[in-house]
Amino acid sequence: MGKLYCAMTITLLISTYPYLYPSISRLYNEDILLMFLFLITPFVLTPFLAYRILFIKGLSTICLNRSTQKIY
């Protein structure tokens, strides 16, 4: 999931920002909200990545029982 997220983020950066490069300074000076939206666009999928990390972490717990010396 992390590799997919990184690949999608890099693809989004490579495909979106070069088209805006010539006029990017004018856009940032005119509209602060637009600048903020451009900066947070690659991080849209971050909540899904955090969910997957927590989900996998919950599935991979190791329980050690000292009395029977078993690993569950």
PDB file of N, CA and C in Angstrom:
ATOM      1  N   MET A   1       0.824  -1.190   0.000  1.00  0.00           N
ATOM      2  CA  MET A   1       0.000   0.000   0.000  1.00  0.00           C
ATOM      3  C   MET A   1       0.868   1.254   0.000  1.00  0.00           C
ATOM      4  N   GLY A   2       1.943   1.214   0.745  1.00  0.00           N
ATOM      5  CA  GLY A   2       2.836   2.364   0.778  1.00  0.00           C
ATOM      6  C   GLY A   2       3.472   2.637  -0.582  1.00  0.00           C
ATOM      7  N   LYS A   3       3.833   1.564  -1.289  1.00  0.00           N
ATOM      8  CA  LYS A   3       4.424   1.733  -2.615  1.00  0.00           C
ATOM      9  C   LYS A   3       3.409   2.320  -3.583  1.00  0.00           C
ATOM     10  N   LEU A   4       2.170   1.850  -3.483  1.00  0.00           N
ATOM     11  CA  LEU A   4       1.111   2.377  -4.338  1.00  0.00           C
ATOM     12  C   LEU A   4       0.861   3.850  -4.040  1.00  0.00           C
ATOM     13  N   TYR A   5       0.827   4.205  -2.771  1.00  0.00           N
ATOM     14  CA  TYR A   5       0.615   5.595  -2.385  1.00  0.00           C
ATOM     15  C   TYR A   5       1.747   6.477  -2.905  1.00  0.00           C
ATOM     16  N   CYS A   6       2.978   6.023  -2.737  1.00  0.00           N
ATOM     17  CA  CYS A   6       4.120   6.809  -3.217  1.00  0.00           C
ATOM     18  C   CYS A   6       4.088   6.951  -4.735  1.00  0.00           C
ATOM     19  N   ALA A   7       3.755   5.873  -5.434  1.00  0.00           N
ATOM     20  CA  ALA A   7       3.689   5.932  -6.893  1.00  0.00           C
ATOM     21  C   ALA A   7       2.596   6.888  -7.357  1.00  0.00           C
ATOM     22  N   MET A   8       1.448   6.840  -6.703  1.00  0.00           N
ATOM     23  CA  MET A   8       0.363   7.740  -7.085  1.00  0.00           C
ATOM     24  C   MET A   8       0.710   9.193  -6.775  1.00  0.00           C
ATOM     25  N   THR A   9       1.376   9.433  -5.665  1.00  0.00           N
ATOM     26  CA  THR A   9       1.765  10.798  -5.309  1.00  0.00           C
ATOM     27  C   THR A   9       2.777  11.351  -6.298  1.00  0.00           C
ATOM     28  N   ILE A  10       3.767  10.552  -6.647  1.00  0.00           N
ATOM     29  CA  ILE A  10       4.785  11.003  -7.599  1.00  0.00           C
ATOM     30  C   ILE A  10       4.169  11.232  -8.974  1.00  0.00           C
ATOM     31  N   THR A  11       3.270  10.341  -9.393  1.00  0.00           N
ATOM     32  CA  THR A  11       2.590  10.512 -10.674  1.00  0.00           C
ATOM     33  C   THR A  11       1.761  11.784 -10.688  1.00  0.00           C
ATOM     34  N   LEU A  12       1.065  12.039  -9.604  1.00  0.00           N
ATOM     35  CA  LEU A  12       0.263  13.257  -9.517  1.00  0.00           C
ATOM     36  C   LEU A  12       1.144  14.500  -9.576  1.00  0.00           C
ATOM     37  N   LEU A  13       2.269  14.465  -8.877  1.00  0.00           N
ATOM     38  CA  LEU A  13       3.185  15.609  -8.911  1.00  0.00           C
ATOM     39  C   LEU A  13       3.766  15.825 -10.305  1.00  0.00           C
ATOM     40  N   ILE A  14       4.189  14.739 -10.943  1.00  0.00           N
ATOM     41  CA  ILE A  14       4.811  14.848 -12.261  1.00  0.00           C
ATOM     42  C   ILE A  14       3.801  15.276 -13.317  1.00  0.00           C
ATOM     43  N   SER A  15       2.562  14.808 -13.203  1.00  0.00           N
ATOM     44  CA  SER A  15       1.576  15.123 -14.231  1.00  0.00           C
ATOM     45  C   SER A  15       0.874  16.457 -14.023  1.00  0.00           C
ATOM     46  N   THR A  16       0.835  16.962 -12.812  1.00  0.00           N
ATOM     47  CA  THR A  16       0.078  18.183 -12.543  1.00  0.00           C
ATOM     48  C   THR A  16       0.943  19.431 -12.527  1.00  0.00           C
ATOM     49  N   TYR A  17       2.022  19.418 -11.797  1.00  0.00           N
ATOM     50  CA  TYR A  17       2.778  20.640 -11.560  1.00  0.00           C
ATOM     51  C   TYR A  17       3.514  21.203 -12.782  1.00  0.00           C
ATOM     52  N   PRO A  18       4.023  20.402 -13.715  1.00  0.00           N
ATOM     53  CA  PRO A  18       4.692  21.020 -14.877  1.00  0.00           C
ATOM     54  C   PRO A  18       3.769  21.897 -15.725  1.00  0.00           C
ATOM     55  N   TYR A  19       2.494  21.565 -15.788  1.00  0.00           N
ATOM     56  CA  TYR A  19       1.571  22.393 -16.561  1.00  0.00           C
ATOM     57  C   TYR A  19       1.334  23.740 -15.894  1.00  0.00           C
ATOM     58  N   LEU A  20       1.506  23.791 -14.604  1.00  0.00           N
ATOM     59  CA  LEU A  20       1.262  25.021 -13.868  1.00  0.00           C
ATOM     60  C   LEU A  20       2.517  25.853 -13.671  1.00  0.00           C
ATOM     61  N   TYR A  21       3.663  25.319 -14.014  1.00  0.00           N
ATOM     62  CA  TYR A  21       4.931  25.979 -13.687  1.00  0.00           C
ATOM     63  C   TYR A  21       5.062  27.398 -14.246  1.00  0.00           C
ATOM     64  N   PRO A  22       4.710  27.656 -15.505  1.00  0.00           N
ATOM     65  CA  PRO A  22       4.897  29.027 -16.011  1.00  0.00           C
ATOM     66  C   PRO A  22       4.070  30.074 -15.263  1.00  0.00           C
ATOM     67  N   SER A  23       2.907  29.701 -14.819  1.00  0.00           N
ATOM     68  CA  SER A  23       2.037  30.694 -14.186  1.00  0.00           C
ATOM     69  C   SER A  23       1.882  30.469 -12.687  1.00  0.00           C
ATOM     70  N   ILE A  24       2.735  29.657 -12.111  1.00  0.00           N
ATOM     71  CA  ILE A  24       2.544  29.294 -10.705  1.00  0.00           C
ATOM     72  C   ILE A  24       2.775  30.477  -9.766  1.00  0.00           C
ATOM     73  N   SER A  25       3.710  31.342 -10.084  1.00  0.00           N
ATOM     74  CA  SER A  25       3.949  32.480  -9.193  1.00  0.00           C
ATOM     75  C   SER A  25       2.776  33.447  -9.209  1.00  0.00           C
ATOM     76  N   ARG A  26       2.157  33.626 -10.363  1.00  0.00           N
ATOM     77  CA  ARG A  26       0.987  34.507 -10.421  1.00  0.00           C
ATOM     78  C   ARG A  26      -0.191  33.906  -9.673  1.00  0.00           C
ATOM     79  N   LEU A  27      -0.350  32.576  -9.773  1.00  0.00           N
ATOM     80  CA  LEU A  27      -1.458  31.926  -9.065  1.00  0.00           C
ATOM     81  C   LEU A  27      -1.304  32.062  -7.554  1.00  0.00           C
ATOM     82  N   TYR A  28      -0.085  31.882  -7.075  1.00  0.00           N
ATOM     83  CA  TYR A  28       0.132  31.952  -5.631  1.00  0.00           C
ATOM     84  C   TYR A  28      -0.065  33.368  -5.095  1.00  0.00           C
ATOM     85  N   ASN A  29       0.276  34.367  -5.888  1.00  0.00           N
ATOM     86  CA  ASN A  29       0.096  35.741  -5.433  1.00  0.00           C
ATOM     87  C   ASN A  29      -1.364  36.167  -5.468  1.00  0.00           C
ATOM     88  N   GLU A  30      -2.145  35.589  -6.371  1.00  0.00           N
ATOM     89  CA  GLU A  30      -3.538  35.998  -6.522  1.00  0.00           C
ATOM     90  C   GLU A  30      -4.460  35.306  -5.534  1.00  0.00           C
ATOM     91  N   ASP A  31      -4.259  34.027  -5.323  1.00  0.00           N
ATOM     92  CA  ASP A  31      -5.227  33.279  -4.522  1.00  0.00           C
ATOM     93  C   ASP A  31      -4.501  32.346  -3.549  1.00  0.00           C
ATOM     94  N   ILE A  32      -4.597  32.643  -2.292  1.00  0.00           N
ATOM     95  CA  ILE A  32      -3.939  31.843  -1.258  1.00  0.00           C
ATOM     96  C   ILE A  32      -4.630  30.486  -1.103  1.00  0.00           C
ATOM     97  N   LEU A  33      -5.941  30.444  -1.231  1.00  0.00           N
ATOM     98  CA  LEU A  33      -6.674  29.181  -1.113  1.00  0.00           C
ATOM     99  C   LEU A  33      -6.262  28.204  -2.208  1.00  0.00           C
ATOM    100  N   LEU A  34      -6.092  28.700  -3.415  1.00  0.00           N
ATOM    101  CA  LEU A  34      -5.658  27.850  -4.520  1.00  0.00           C
ATOM    102  C   LEU A  34      -4.263  27.289  -4.259  1.00  0.00           C
ATOM    103  N   MET A  35      -3.380  28.107  -3.714  1.00  0.00           N
ATOM    104  CA  MET A  35      -2.040  27.645  -3.367  1.00  0.00           C
ATOM    105  C   MET A  35      -2.117  26.519  -2.340  1.00  0.00           C
ATOM    106  N   PHE A  36      -2.948  26.697  -1.330  1.00  0.00           N
ATOM    107  CA  PHE A  36      -3.108  25.677  -0.298  1.00  0.00           C
ATOM    108  C   PHE A  36      -3.649  24.381  -0.886  1.00  0.00           C
ATOM    109  N   LEU A  37      -4.619  24.471  -1.786  1.00  0.00           N
ATOM    110  CA  LEU A  37      -5.184  23.271  -2.412  1.00  0.00           C
ATOM    111  C   LEU A  37      -4.148  22.543  -3.267  1.00  0.00           C
ATOM    112  N   PHE A  38      -3.320  23.278  -3.984  1.00  0.00           N
ATOM    113  CA  PHE A  38      -2.266  22.646  -4.778  1.00  0.00           C
ATOM    114  C   PHE A  38      -1.253  21.939  -3.892  1.00  0.00           C
ATOM    115  N   LEU A  39      -0.975  22.513  -2.741  1.00  0.00           N
ATOM    116  CA  LEU A  39       0.017  21.913  -1.857  1.00  0.00           C
ATOM    117  C   LEU A  39      -0.496  20.662  -1.157  1.00  0.00           C
ATOM    118  N   ILE A  40      -1.787  20.584  -0.848  1.00  0.00           N
ATOM    119  CA  ILE A  40      -2.304  19.413  -0.140  1.00  0.00           C
ATOM    120  C   ILE A  40      -2.857  18.337  -1.064  1.00  0.00           C
ATOM    121  N   THR A  41      -2.939  18.590  -2.367  1.00  0.00           N
ATOM    122  CA  THR A  41      -3.491  17.607  -3.305  1.00  0.00           C
ATOM    123  C   THR A  41      -2.787  16.252  -3.240  1.00  0.00           C
ATOM    124  N   PRO A  42      -1.465  16.161  -3.180  1.00  0.00           N
ATOM    125  CA  PRO A  42      -0.833  14.840  -3.133  1.00  0.00           C
ATOM    126  C   PRO A  42      -1.122  14.058  -1.853  1.00  0.00           C
ATOM    127  N   PHE A  43      -1.589  14.722  -0.817  1.00  0.00           N
ATOM    128  CA  PHE A  43      -1.807  14.057   0.461  1.00  0.00           C
ATOM    129  C   PHE A  43      -3.264  13.665   0.696  1.00  0.00           C
ATOM    130  N   VAL A  44      -4.053  13.610  -0.362  1.00  0.00           N
ATOM    131  CA  VAL A  44      -5.469  13.267  -0.240  1.00  0.00           C
ATOM    132  C   VAL A  44      -5.642  11.839   0.266  1.00  0.00           C
ATOM    133  N   LEU A  45      -4.785  10.937  -0.142  1.00  0.00           N
ATOM    134  CA  LEU A  45      -4.932   9.524   0.213  1.00  0.00           C
ATOM    135  C   LEU A  45      -4.264   9.156   1.535  1.00  0.00           C
ATOM    136  N   THR A  46      -3.732  10.101   2.253  1.00  0.00           N
ATOM    137  CA  THR A  46      -3.057   9.824   3.520  1.00  0.00           C
ATOM    138  C   THR A  46      -3.959   9.153   4.553  1.00  0.00           C
ATOM    139  N   PRO A  47      -5.230   9.552   4.718  1.00  0.00           N
ATOM    140  CA  PRO A  47      -6.075   8.845   5.694  1.00  0.00           C
ATOM    141  C   PRO A  47      -6.258   7.362   5.370  1.00  0.00           C
ATOM    142  N   PHE A  48      -6.338   7.026   4.085  1.00  0.00           N
ATOM    143  CA  PHE A  48      -6.478   5.623   3.709  1.00  0.00           C
ATOM    144  C   PHE A  48      -5.209   4.840   4.017  1.00  0.00           C
ATOM    145  N   LEU A  49      -4.062   5.471   3.826  1.00  0.00           N
ATOM    146  CA  LEU A  49      -2.797   4.830   4.167  1.00  0.00           C
ATOM    147  C   LEU A  49      -2.698   4.598   5.668  1.00  0.00           C
ATOM    148  N   ALA A  50      -3.104   5.578   6.460  1.00  0.00           N
ATOM    149  CA  ALA A  50      -3.077   5.422   7.918  1.00  0.00           C
ATOM    150  C   ALA A  50      -4.026   4.313   8.359  1.00  0.00           C
ATOM    151  N   TYR A  51      -5.197   4.229   7.728  1.00  0.00           N
ATOM    152  CA  TYR A  51      -6.143   3.161   8.050  1.00  0.00           C
ATOM    153  C   TYR A  51      -5.536   1.796   7.762  1.00  0.00           C
ATOM    154  N   ARG A  52      -4.896   1.638   6.612  1.00  0.00           N
ATOM    155  CA  ARG A  52      -4.297   0.348   6.260  1.00  0.00           C
ATOM    156  C   ARG A  52      -3.164  -0.020   7.215  1.00  0.00           C
ATOM    157  N   ILE A  53      -2.364   0.949   7.609  1.00  0.00           N
ATOM    158  CA  ILE A  53      -1.273   0.672   8.545  1.00  0.00           C
ATOM    159  C   ILE A  53      -1.830   0.194   9.872  1.00  0.00           C
ATOM    160  N   LEU A  54      -2.849   0.873  10.381  1.00  0.00           N
ATOM    161  CA  LEU A  54      -3.447   0.468  11.656  1.00  0.00           C
ATOM    162  C   LEU A  54      -4.160  -0.875  11.537  1.00  0.00           C
ATOM    163  N   PHE A  55      -4.800  -1.133  10.393  1.00  0.00           N
ATOM    164  CA  PHE A  55      -5.492  -2.404  10.178  1.00  0.00           C
ATOM    165  C   PHE A  55      -4.501  -3.564  10.157  1.00  0.00           C
ATOM    166  N   ILE A  56      -3.411  -3.416   9.421  1.00  0.00           N
ATOM    167  CA  ILE A  56      -2.400  -4.471   9.347  1.00  0.00           C
ATOM    168  C   ILE A  56      -1.715  -4.646  10.694  1.00  0.00           C
ATOM    169  N   LYS A  57      -1.467  -3.556  11.392  1.00  0.00           N
ATOM    170  CA  LYS A  57      -0.848  -3.643  12.712  1.00  0.00           C
ATOM    171  C   LYS A  57      -1.745  -4.411  13.677  1.00  0.00           C
ATOM    172  N   GLY A  58      -3.051  -4.221  13.582  1.00  0.00           N
ATOM    173  CA  GLY A  58      -3.991  -4.941  14.440  1.00  0.00           C
ATOM    174  C   GLY A  58      -4.055  -6.427  14.128  1.00  0.00           C
ATOM    175  N   LEU A  59      -3.813  -6.792  12.878  1.00  0.00           N
ATOM    176  CA  LEU A  59      -3.852  -8.200  12.491  1.00  0.00           C
ATOM    177  C   LEU A  59      -2.569  -8.950  12.834  1.00  0.00           C
ATOM    178  N   SER A  60      -1.490  -8.238  13.047  1.00  0.00           N
ATOM    179  CA  SER A  60      -0.206  -8.911  13.211  1.00  0.00           C
ATOM    180  C   SER A  60       0.329  -8.816  14.636  1.00  0.00           C
ATOM    181  N   THR A  61      -0.537  -9.006  15.599  1.00  0.00           N
ATOM    182  CA  THR A  61      -0.062  -8.997  16.978  1.00  0.00           C
ATOM    183  C   THR A  61       0.461 -10.379  17.349  1.00  0.00           C
ATOM    184  N   ILE A  62       1.465 -10.414  18.177  1.00  0.00           N
ATOM    185  CA  ILE A  62       2.035 -11.666  18.676  1.00  0.00           C
ATOM    186  C   ILE A  62       1.777 -11.713  20.169  1.00  0.00           C
ATOM    187  N   CYS A  63       1.115 -12.767  20.615  1.00  0.00           N
ATOM    188  CA  CYS A  63       0.817 -12.923  22.039  1.00  0.00           C
ATOM    189  C   CYS A  63       1.677 -14.055  22.593  1.00  0.00           C
ATOM    190  N   LEU A  64       2.442 -13.757  23.600  1.00  0.00           N
ATOM    191  CA  LEU A  64       3.272 -14.763  24.247  1.00  0.00           C
ATOM    192  C   LEU A  64       2.628 -15.154  25.572  1.00  0.00           C
ATOM    193  N   ASN A  65       2.434 -16.454  25.760  1.00  0.00           N
ATOM    194  CA  ASN A  65       1.885 -16.964  27.006  1.00  0.00           C
ATOM    195  C   ASN A  65       3.036 -17.607  27.772  1.00  0.00           C
ATOM    196  N   ARG A  66       3.435 -17.008  28.878  1.00  0.00           N
ATOM    197  CA  ARG A  66       4.605 -17.503  29.608  1.00  0.00           C
ATOM    198  C   ARG A  66       4.338 -18.824  30.317  1.00  0.00           C
ATOM    199  N   SER A  67       3.110 -19.052  30.751  1.00  0.00           N
ATOM    200  CA  SER A  67       2.846 -20.290  31.492  1.00  0.00           C
ATOM    201  C   SER A  67       2.902 -21.516  30.584  1.00  0.00           C
ATOM    202  N   THR A  68       2.376 -21.422  29.377  1.00  0.00           N
ATOM    203  CA  THR A  68       2.417 -22.562  28.455  1.00  0.00           C
ATOM    204  C   THR A  68       3.536 -22.441  27.434  1.00  0.00           C
ATOM    205  N   GLN A  69       4.196 -21.301  27.390  1.00  0.00           N
ATOM    206  CA  GLN A  69       5.268 -21.003  26.450  1.00  0.00           C
ATOM    207  C   GLN A  69       4.834 -21.246  25.004  1.00  0.00           C
ATOM    208  N   LYS A  70       3.665 -20.692  24.671  1.00  0.00           N
ATOM    209  CA  LYS A  70       3.139 -20.788  23.309  1.00  0.00           C
ATOM    210  C   LYS A  70       3.036 -19.389  22.710  1.00  0.00           C
ATOM    211  N   ILE A  71       3.173 -19.354  21.412  1.00  0.00           N
ATOM    212  CA  ILE A  71       2.996 -18.105  20.674  1.00  0.00           C
ATOM    213  C   ILE A  71       1.686 -18.211  19.912  1.00  0.00           C
ATOM    214  N   TYR A  72       0.797 -17.281  20.142  1.00  0.00           N
ATOM    215  CA  TYR A  72      -0.496 -17.303  19.446  1.00  0.00           C
ATOM    216  C   TYR A  72      -0.390 -16.463  18.203  1.00  0.00           C
TER     217      TYR A  72
END
